[in-house]
N, C-alpha and C. Protein backbone atom coordinates (compact mmCIF):
# COMPACT_ATOMS: atom_id res chain seq x y z
N UNK A 1 -9.56 56.47 -9.02
CA UNK A 1 -8.76 57.20 -7.72
C UNK A 1 -9.79 56.87 -6.55
N UNK A 2 -9.00 56.68 -5.46
CA UNK A 2 -9.78 56.58 -4.05
C UNK A 2 -9.34 57.61 -3.14
N UNK A 3 -10.26 57.62 -2.40
CA UNK A 3 -9.96 58.87 -1.49
C UNK A 3 -9.22 58.53 -0.17
N UNK A 4 -8.53 59.44 0.55
CA UNK A 4 -7.74 59.07 1.63
C UNK A 4 -8.48 59.98 2.55
N UNK A 5 -8.79 59.24 3.83
CA UNK A 5 -9.25 60.30 4.97
C UNK A 5 -8.42 60.15 6.03
N UNK A 6 -7.78 61.27 6.57
CA UNK A 6 -6.78 61.65 7.27
C UNK A 6 -5.46 61.65 6.80
N UNK A 7 -4.35 62.14 7.54
CA UNK A 7 -3.08 62.05 6.88
C UNK A 7 -2.40 63.20 7.79
N UNK A 8 -0.89 63.71 7.18
CA UNK A 8 -0.34 64.55 7.63
C UNK A 8 -0.66 65.51 7.12
N UNK A 9 -1.03 66.02 6.15
CA UNK A 9 -1.18 67.31 5.77
C UNK A 9 -2.34 68.00 6.03
N UNK A 10 -3.47 67.42 6.08
CA UNK A 10 -4.70 68.20 7.06
C UNK A 10 -5.01 67.62 8.38
N UNK A 11 -6.28 68.20 8.78
CA UNK A 11 -6.57 67.75 10.06
C UNK A 11 -7.18 66.37 10.36
N UNK A 12 -8.09 66.14 11.00
CA UNK A 12 -8.29 64.65 11.30
C UNK A 12 -9.33 64.27 10.28
N UNK A 13 -10.31 65.09 9.60
CA UNK A 13 -11.06 64.62 8.67
C UNK A 13 -10.90 65.08 7.24
N UNK A 14 -9.52 65.60 7.12
CA UNK A 14 -9.32 65.99 5.71
C UNK A 14 -9.36 65.09 4.73
N UNK A 15 -9.57 65.31 3.43
CA UNK A 15 -9.83 64.27 2.38
C UNK A 15 -8.65 64.72 1.38
N UNK A 16 -7.88 63.71 1.18
CA UNK A 16 -6.57 63.77 0.19
C UNK A 16 -6.79 62.53 -0.62
N UNK A 17 -5.70 62.97 -1.80
CA UNK A 17 -5.62 62.03 -2.68
C UNK A 17 -4.99 60.77 -2.63
N UNK A 18 -5.42 59.45 -3.03
CA UNK A 18 -4.63 58.42 -2.87
C UNK A 18 -4.17 57.88 -3.90
N UNK A 19 -2.96 57.88 -4.20
CA UNK A 19 -2.12 57.56 -5.61
C UNK A 19 -1.74 55.87 -5.66
N UNK A 20 -2.34 55.37 -4.45
CA UNK A 20 -1.89 53.96 -4.66
C UNK A 20 -2.98 53.15 -5.90
N UNK A 21 -2.46 51.92 -6.26
CA UNK A 21 -3.38 51.38 -7.18
C UNK A 21 -4.18 50.55 -6.53
N UNK A 22 -5.57 50.87 -7.16
CA UNK A 22 -6.45 49.69 -6.66
C UNK A 22 -6.73 48.26 -7.27
N UNK A 23 -6.03 47.28 -6.40
CA UNK A 23 -5.82 45.90 -6.94
C UNK A 23 -7.10 45.03 -6.92
N UNK A 24 -7.92 45.39 -6.32
CA UNK A 24 -9.22 44.64 -6.05
C UNK A 24 -10.19 44.25 -7.43
N UNK A 25 -10.11 45.10 -8.37
CA UNK A 25 -10.75 44.78 -9.92
C UNK A 25 -9.80 44.02 -10.45
N UNK A 26 -8.21 44.30 -10.44
CA UNK A 26 -7.50 43.48 -11.11
C UNK A 26 -7.47 41.74 -10.45
N UNK A 27 -7.80 41.72 -9.33
CA UNK A 27 -7.92 40.24 -8.84
C UNK A 27 -8.99 39.68 -9.19
N UNK A 28 -10.13 40.64 -9.12
CA UNK A 28 -11.39 39.96 -9.36
C UNK A 28 -11.18 39.75 -10.83
N UNK A 29 -10.77 40.05 -11.89
CA UNK A 29 -10.78 39.68 -13.14
C UNK A 29 -9.69 38.49 -13.39
N UNK A 30 -8.62 38.59 -12.50
CA UNK A 30 -7.86 37.54 -12.50
C UNK A 30 -8.33 36.31 -12.09
N UNK A 31 -9.41 36.14 -10.81
CA UNK A 31 -9.75 34.92 -10.49
C UNK A 31 -10.96 34.23 -11.58
N UNK A 32 -11.68 35.28 -12.37
CA UNK A 32 -12.50 34.86 -13.65
C UNK A 32 -11.97 34.52 -14.67
N UNK A 33 -10.67 35.05 -15.13
CA UNK A 33 -9.87 34.02 -16.06
C UNK A 33 -9.23 32.84 -15.62
N UNK A 34 -8.75 32.71 -14.20
CA UNK A 34 -8.56 31.39 -14.05
C UNK A 34 -9.84 30.32 -13.71
N UNK A 35 -10.89 30.88 -13.52
CA UNK A 35 -12.01 29.81 -13.69
C UNK A 35 -12.18 29.31 -14.98
N UNK A 36 -12.21 30.37 -15.74
CA UNK A 36 -12.54 30.56 -17.45
C UNK A 36 -11.62 29.33 -17.81
N UNK A 37 -10.04 29.32 -17.64
CA UNK A 37 -9.27 28.36 -17.76
C UNK A 37 -9.36 27.08 -17.38
N UNK A 38 -9.68 27.05 -16.05
CA UNK A 38 -10.03 25.60 -15.63
C UNK A 38 -11.05 25.10 -16.21
N UNK A 39 -11.94 25.76 -16.64
CA UNK A 39 -13.27 25.08 -17.39
C UNK A 39 -13.21 24.40 -18.75
N UNK A 40 -12.45 25.44 -19.38
CA UNK A 40 -12.34 25.01 -20.62
C UNK A 40 -10.86 24.25 -20.98
N UNK A 41 -10.20 23.84 -20.18
CA UNK A 41 -9.05 23.07 -20.34
C UNK A 41 -9.39 21.51 -20.59
N UNK A 42 -8.85 21.02 -21.64
CA UNK A 42 -9.53 19.29 -21.63
C UNK A 42 -8.75 18.45 -20.64
N UNK A 43 -9.63 17.87 -20.21
CA UNK A 43 -8.91 16.71 -19.23
C UNK A 43 -7.81 16.00 -19.45
N UNK A 44 -6.94 15.52 -18.67
CA UNK A 44 -5.25 15.32 -18.92
C UNK A 44 -5.54 13.78 -18.92
N UNK A 45 -6.83 13.01 -19.02
CA UNK A 45 -6.84 11.66 -18.98
C UNK A 45 -6.95 11.17 -20.34
N UNK A 46 -6.32 9.93 -20.65
CA UNK A 46 -5.92 9.29 -21.55
C UNK A 46 -6.66 7.98 -21.53
N UNK A 47 -7.78 7.92 -22.55
CA UNK A 47 -8.83 6.61 -22.11
C UNK A 47 -7.92 5.37 -23.29
N UNK A 48 -7.82 4.38 -22.41
CA UNK A 48 -7.12 3.04 -23.38
C UNK A 48 -8.35 2.09 -23.13
N UNK A 49 -8.78 1.59 -24.36
CA UNK A 49 -9.47 0.30 -24.35
C UNK A 49 -8.97 -0.81 -24.00
N UNK A 50 -9.28 -1.56 -22.95
CA UNK A 50 -8.78 -2.94 -22.58
C UNK A 50 -9.81 -3.90 -22.56
N UNK A 51 -9.70 -5.08 -23.59
CA UNK A 51 -10.27 -6.21 -23.33
C UNK A 51 -9.83 -7.06 -22.08
N UNK A 52 -10.76 -6.89 -20.85
CA UNK A 52 -10.47 -7.88 -19.74
C UNK A 52 -11.15 -9.11 -19.69
N UNK A 53 -10.86 -10.01 -19.11
CA UNK A 53 -11.51 -11.23 -18.93
C UNK A 53 -12.59 -10.89 -17.78
N UNK A 54 -13.73 -12.11 -17.84
CA UNK A 54 -14.73 -11.66 -16.80
C UNK A 54 -14.19 -12.13 -15.27
N UNK A 55 -14.75 -11.49 -14.49
CA UNK A 55 -14.41 -11.76 -13.23
C UNK A 55 -14.83 -12.63 -12.39
N UNK A 56 -15.89 -13.78 -12.96
CA UNK A 56 -16.26 -14.72 -12.20
C UNK A 56 -15.12 -15.83 -12.51
N UNK A 57 -15.17 -16.72 -11.58
CA UNK A 57 -14.08 -18.02 -11.69
C UNK A 57 -14.64 -19.16 -12.67
N UNK A 58 -13.62 -19.77 -13.83
CA UNK A 58 -14.56 -20.48 -14.12
C UNK A 58 -14.44 -21.78 -13.65
N UNK A 59 -15.28 -22.90 -14.15
CA UNK A 59 -15.49 -23.99 -13.34
C UNK A 59 -14.45 -24.92 -13.39
N UNK A 60 -13.30 -25.06 -14.08
CA UNK A 60 -12.03 -25.68 -13.78
C UNK A 60 -11.15 -25.00 -12.63
N UNK A 61 -11.31 -23.50 -12.03
CA UNK A 61 -10.55 -22.96 -11.20
C UNK A 61 -11.08 -23.67 -9.89
N UNK A 62 -10.17 -24.24 -9.27
CA UNK A 62 -10.47 -24.67 -7.45
C UNK A 62 -9.30 -24.11 -6.95
N UNK A 63 -10.13 -23.33 -5.92
CA UNK A 63 -9.39 -22.22 -5.06
C UNK A 63 -8.46 -23.65 -4.01
N UNK A 64 -7.12 -23.64 -3.72
CA UNK A 64 -6.44 -24.61 -2.91
C UNK A 64 -6.29 -23.76 -1.69
N UNK A 65 -6.37 -24.67 -0.61
CA UNK A 65 -6.12 -24.12 0.85
C UNK A 65 -4.53 -23.87 0.80
N UNK A 66 -4.48 -22.70 1.57
CA UNK A 66 -2.96 -22.58 1.52
C UNK A 66 -2.19 -23.33 2.47
N UNK A 67 -0.98 -23.74 2.33
CA UNK A 67 -0.04 -24.69 3.20
C UNK A 67 0.79 -23.73 3.75
N UNK A 68 0.80 -23.98 5.35
CA UNK A 68 1.74 -22.83 5.91
C UNK A 68 2.38 -23.95 7.36
N UNK A 69 3.41 -23.42 7.66
CA UNK A 69 4.17 -23.90 8.52
C UNK A 69 3.93 -22.83 9.68
N UNK A 70 3.69 -24.03 10.84
CA UNK A 70 3.33 -23.27 12.11
C UNK A 70 4.15 -23.57 13.27
N UNK A 71 4.75 -22.57 13.92
CA UNK A 71 5.95 -22.93 14.78
C UNK A 71 5.09 -22.43 16.31
N UNK A 72 4.98 -23.45 17.34
CA UNK A 72 4.64 -23.65 18.64
C UNK A 72 5.55 -22.94 19.37
N UNK A 73 5.36 -22.25 20.58
CA UNK A 73 5.88 -21.67 21.40
C UNK A 73 7.30 -22.66 22.13
N UNK A 74 6.66 -24.01 21.84
CA UNK A 74 7.42 -24.81 22.72
C UNK A 74 8.66 -25.52 21.80
N UNK A 75 8.57 -24.83 20.56
CA UNK A 75 9.37 -25.29 19.33
C UNK A 75 8.98 -26.14 18.50
N UNK A 76 7.70 -26.76 18.70
CA UNK A 76 7.15 -27.60 17.67
C UNK A 76 6.95 -27.15 16.39
N UNK A 77 7.38 -27.85 15.50
CA UNK A 77 7.14 -27.33 13.92
C UNK A 77 5.79 -27.91 13.62
N UNK A 78 4.77 -27.60 12.82
CA UNK A 78 3.51 -28.37 11.95
C UNK A 78 3.68 -27.76 10.87
N UNK A 79 3.26 -28.58 9.81
CA UNK A 79 2.91 -28.16 8.52
C UNK A 79 1.41 -28.51 8.47
N UNK A 80 0.76 -27.17 8.23
CA UNK A 80 -0.72 -27.29 8.37
C UNK A 80 -1.03 -27.92 10.06
N UNK A 81 -1.41 -29.18 10.28
CA UNK A 81 -1.55 -30.13 11.30
C UNK A 81 -0.77 -31.11 11.74
N UNK A 82 0.01 -31.35 10.85
CA UNK A 82 1.00 -32.66 10.89
C UNK A 82 2.41 -32.20 11.38
N UNK A 83 2.91 -32.89 12.56
CA UNK A 83 4.08 -32.28 13.24
C UNK A 83 5.30 -32.95 12.25
N UNK A 84 6.19 -32.05 12.49
CA UNK A 84 7.51 -32.36 11.30
C UNK A 84 8.91 -31.88 12.31
N UNK A 85 9.77 -32.16 12.24
CA UNK A 85 11.06 -31.55 12.73
C UNK A 85 11.90 -30.99 11.64
N UNK A 86 12.86 -30.31 12.47
CA UNK A 86 13.80 -29.20 11.59
C UNK A 86 14.40 -30.03 10.27
N UNK A 87 14.63 -31.13 10.55
CA UNK A 87 15.58 -32.15 9.77
C UNK A 87 15.08 -32.49 8.38
N UNK A 88 13.56 -32.73 8.87
CA UNK A 88 12.93 -33.45 7.54
C UNK A 88 11.72 -32.20 7.11
N UNK A 89 12.26 -31.15 7.58
CA UNK A 89 11.22 -29.92 6.94
C UNK A 89 10.76 -29.76 5.75
N UNK A 90 12.17 -29.88 4.65
CA UNK A 90 12.13 -29.70 3.48
C UNK A 90 11.13 -31.13 2.72
N UNK A 91 11.61 -32.25 3.21
CA UNK A 91 10.72 -33.50 2.25
C UNK A 91 9.42 -33.13 2.71
N UNK A 92 9.01 -33.12 3.92
CA UNK A 92 7.57 -32.95 4.85
C UNK A 92 6.85 -31.74 4.21
N UNK A 93 7.64 -30.69 3.62
CA UNK A 93 7.18 -29.64 3.04
C UNK A 93 6.59 -30.05 1.62
N UNK A 94 7.71 -30.83 0.86
CA UNK A 94 7.26 -31.16 -0.80
C UNK A 94 6.33 -32.11 -0.76
N UNK A 95 6.08 -32.71 0.25
CA UNK A 95 4.94 -34.03 0.17
C UNK A 95 3.44 -33.32 0.55
N UNK A 96 3.74 -32.38 1.36
CA UNK A 96 2.38 -31.42 1.90
C UNK A 96 1.88 -30.76 0.75
N UNK A 97 2.75 -29.73 -0.09
CA UNK A 97 2.48 -29.05 -1.34
C UNK A 97 1.67 -30.10 -2.23
N UNK A 98 2.39 -31.02 -2.63
CA UNK A 98 1.84 -31.54 -3.96
C UNK A 98 1.78 -31.37 -5.02
N UNK A 99 2.70 -30.36 -5.59
CA UNK A 99 2.81 -29.98 -7.01
C UNK A 99 3.98 -30.43 -7.20
N UNK A 100 4.36 -29.87 -8.52
CA UNK A 100 5.44 -30.51 -9.36
C UNK A 100 6.61 -30.18 -8.97
N UNK A 101 6.70 -28.67 -8.86
CA UNK A 101 8.15 -27.97 -8.35
C UNK A 101 7.77 -27.09 -7.03
N UNK A 102 7.63 -27.59 -5.81
CA UNK A 102 7.40 -26.87 -4.85
C UNK A 102 8.10 -25.93 -4.21
N UNK A 103 9.48 -25.70 -5.06
CA UNK A 103 10.44 -24.75 -4.75
C UNK A 103 9.92 -23.44 -5.30
N UNK A 104 8.90 -23.60 -5.85
CA UNK A 104 8.40 -22.05 -6.56
C UNK A 104 7.22 -21.91 -5.99
N UNK A 105 6.59 -22.40 -5.02
CA UNK A 105 5.40 -22.03 -4.40
C UNK A 105 5.74 -21.30 -3.00
N UNK A 106 4.91 -20.36 -2.58
CA UNK A 106 5.32 -19.35 -1.39
C UNK A 106 4.81 -20.17 -0.36
N UNK A 107 5.86 -20.03 0.76
CA UNK A 107 5.72 -20.51 1.94
C UNK A 107 5.17 -19.89 3.07
N UNK A 108 4.48 -20.04 3.69
CA UNK A 108 3.62 -19.28 4.82
C UNK A 108 4.37 -19.95 6.15
N UNK A 109 4.77 -18.66 7.02
CA UNK A 109 5.10 -19.16 8.26
C UNK A 109 4.20 -18.25 9.14
N UNK A 110 3.62 -19.01 10.11
CA UNK A 110 2.85 -18.58 11.10
C UNK A 110 3.49 -18.82 12.58
N UNK A 111 4.32 -17.91 13.18
CA UNK A 111 4.62 -18.32 14.49
C UNK A 111 3.86 -17.56 15.70
N UNK A 112 4.13 -18.76 16.77
CA UNK A 112 3.41 -17.88 18.23
C UNK A 112 4.20 -16.69 18.40
N UNK A 113 3.43 -16.26 19.42
CA UNK A 113 3.94 -14.57 19.80
C UNK A 113 5.14 -14.85 20.67
N UNK A 114 5.32 -16.26 21.47
CA UNK A 114 6.34 -16.29 22.39
C UNK A 114 7.45 -17.25 21.72
N UNK A 115 7.46 -17.28 20.47
CA UNK A 115 8.52 -18.28 20.16
C UNK A 115 10.05 -17.26 19.93
N UNK A 116 10.76 -18.15 20.41
CA UNK A 116 12.26 -17.06 20.30
C UNK A 116 12.70 -16.72 18.92
N UNK A 117 13.53 -16.12 18.79
CA UNK A 117 13.91 -15.32 17.35
C UNK A 117 14.65 -16.63 16.77
N UNK A 118 15.47 -17.33 17.62
CA UNK A 118 16.60 -18.22 17.22
C UNK A 118 15.78 -19.63 16.57
N UNK A 119 14.65 -19.98 17.03
CA UNK A 119 13.89 -20.67 16.57
C UNK A 119 13.22 -20.64 15.05
N UNK A 120 12.70 -19.42 15.34
CA UNK A 120 12.16 -19.00 13.87
C UNK A 120 13.13 -18.78 12.79
N UNK A 121 14.42 -18.24 12.81
CA UNK A 121 15.24 -18.30 12.15
C UNK A 121 16.15 -19.33 11.61
N UNK A 122 15.92 -20.50 12.43
CA UNK A 122 16.18 -21.71 12.42
C UNK A 122 15.46 -22.47 11.05
N UNK A 123 14.14 -22.06 11.74
CA UNK A 123 13.10 -22.70 10.20
C UNK A 123 13.41 -21.93 8.91
N UNK A 124 13.60 -20.59 8.78
CA UNK A 124 13.65 -19.88 7.74
C UNK A 124 15.27 -20.28 6.90
N UNK A 125 15.97 -20.45 7.80
CA UNK A 125 17.21 -20.82 7.18
C UNK A 125 17.28 -22.16 6.57
N UNK A 126 16.52 -23.10 7.69
CA UNK A 126 16.41 -24.39 6.77
C UNK A 126 15.67 -24.45 5.59
N UNK A 127 14.41 -23.71 5.29
CA UNK A 127 13.81 -23.44 3.86
C UNK A 127 14.60 -22.83 3.22
N UNK A 128 15.71 -21.84 3.16
CA UNK A 128 16.51 -21.59 2.30
C UNK A 128 17.66 -22.70 2.07
N UNK A 129 17.88 -23.53 2.58
CA UNK A 129 19.11 -24.18 2.51
C UNK A 129 18.43 -25.35 1.58
N UNK A 130 16.90 -25.33 1.88
CA UNK A 130 16.43 -26.65 0.74
C UNK A 130 15.84 -26.13 -0.27
N UNK A 131 15.92 -24.70 -0.60
CA UNK A 131 15.72 -24.11 -1.91
C UNK A 131 14.35 -23.31 -1.84
N UNK A 132 13.57 -23.13 -0.69
CA UNK A 132 12.41 -22.84 -0.74
C UNK A 132 12.70 -21.21 -0.23
N UNK A 133 12.75 -20.21 -1.29
CA UNK A 133 13.22 -19.08 -1.08
C UNK A 133 12.09 -17.99 -1.11
N UNK A 134 10.68 -18.18 -1.58
CA UNK A 134 9.55 -17.49 -1.43
C UNK A 134 9.10 -17.81 -0.22
N UNK A 135 9.15 -16.86 1.01
CA UNK A 135 8.71 -17.29 2.41
C UNK A 135 7.93 -15.77 2.57
N UNK A 136 6.78 -16.15 3.10
CA UNK A 136 5.62 -15.03 3.64
C UNK A 136 5.35 -15.27 4.96
N UNK A 137 5.22 -14.11 5.64
CA UNK A 137 4.90 -14.34 7.32
C UNK A 137 3.35 -14.04 7.33
N UNK A 138 2.71 -14.80 8.11
CA UNK A 138 1.09 -14.70 8.65
C UNK A 138 1.36 -14.06 9.99
N UNK A 139 0.77 -12.64 10.07
CA UNK A 139 0.43 -11.78 11.35
C UNK A 139 -0.86 -12.14 11.48
N UNK A 140 -1.14 -11.78 12.68
CA UNK A 140 -2.75 -11.77 13.10
C UNK A 140 -2.38 -10.75 14.07
N UNK A 141 -3.45 -9.79 14.15
CA UNK A 141 -3.85 -8.89 15.03
C UNK A 141 -5.01 -8.80 16.18
N UNK A 142 -4.08 -9.01 17.14
CA UNK A 142 -5.45 -9.12 18.59
C UNK A 142 -5.76 -8.33 19.14
């Protein structure tokens, strides 16, 4: 039991009984139990053994440079550094990629900041018409 200083029944310094529950020991016990449960609980991770290949590249793997389409602000279209037109874009791109099925390759497009949206979408639409559906954009933060 705890003592109560002051109150309605007595004077300023009268000591009366306090019938409220003292929760401090209860909270202390609960915190100790919480820590015990946190320490004794098994970790919830499941370990699965996986045999992964080594991270070093083999001698047969050669990294190829990416081929990209560049659109200049004057509307000129370049495949890497070779100029092309919108009409011959698909054939020139297939020749520049040099793979058996060029339509499964990802085509990168890099456009100048001042290129009009219509010029950019004309190139994207032409690629889709020619069967190139994997298109990615190259952005540069200045």
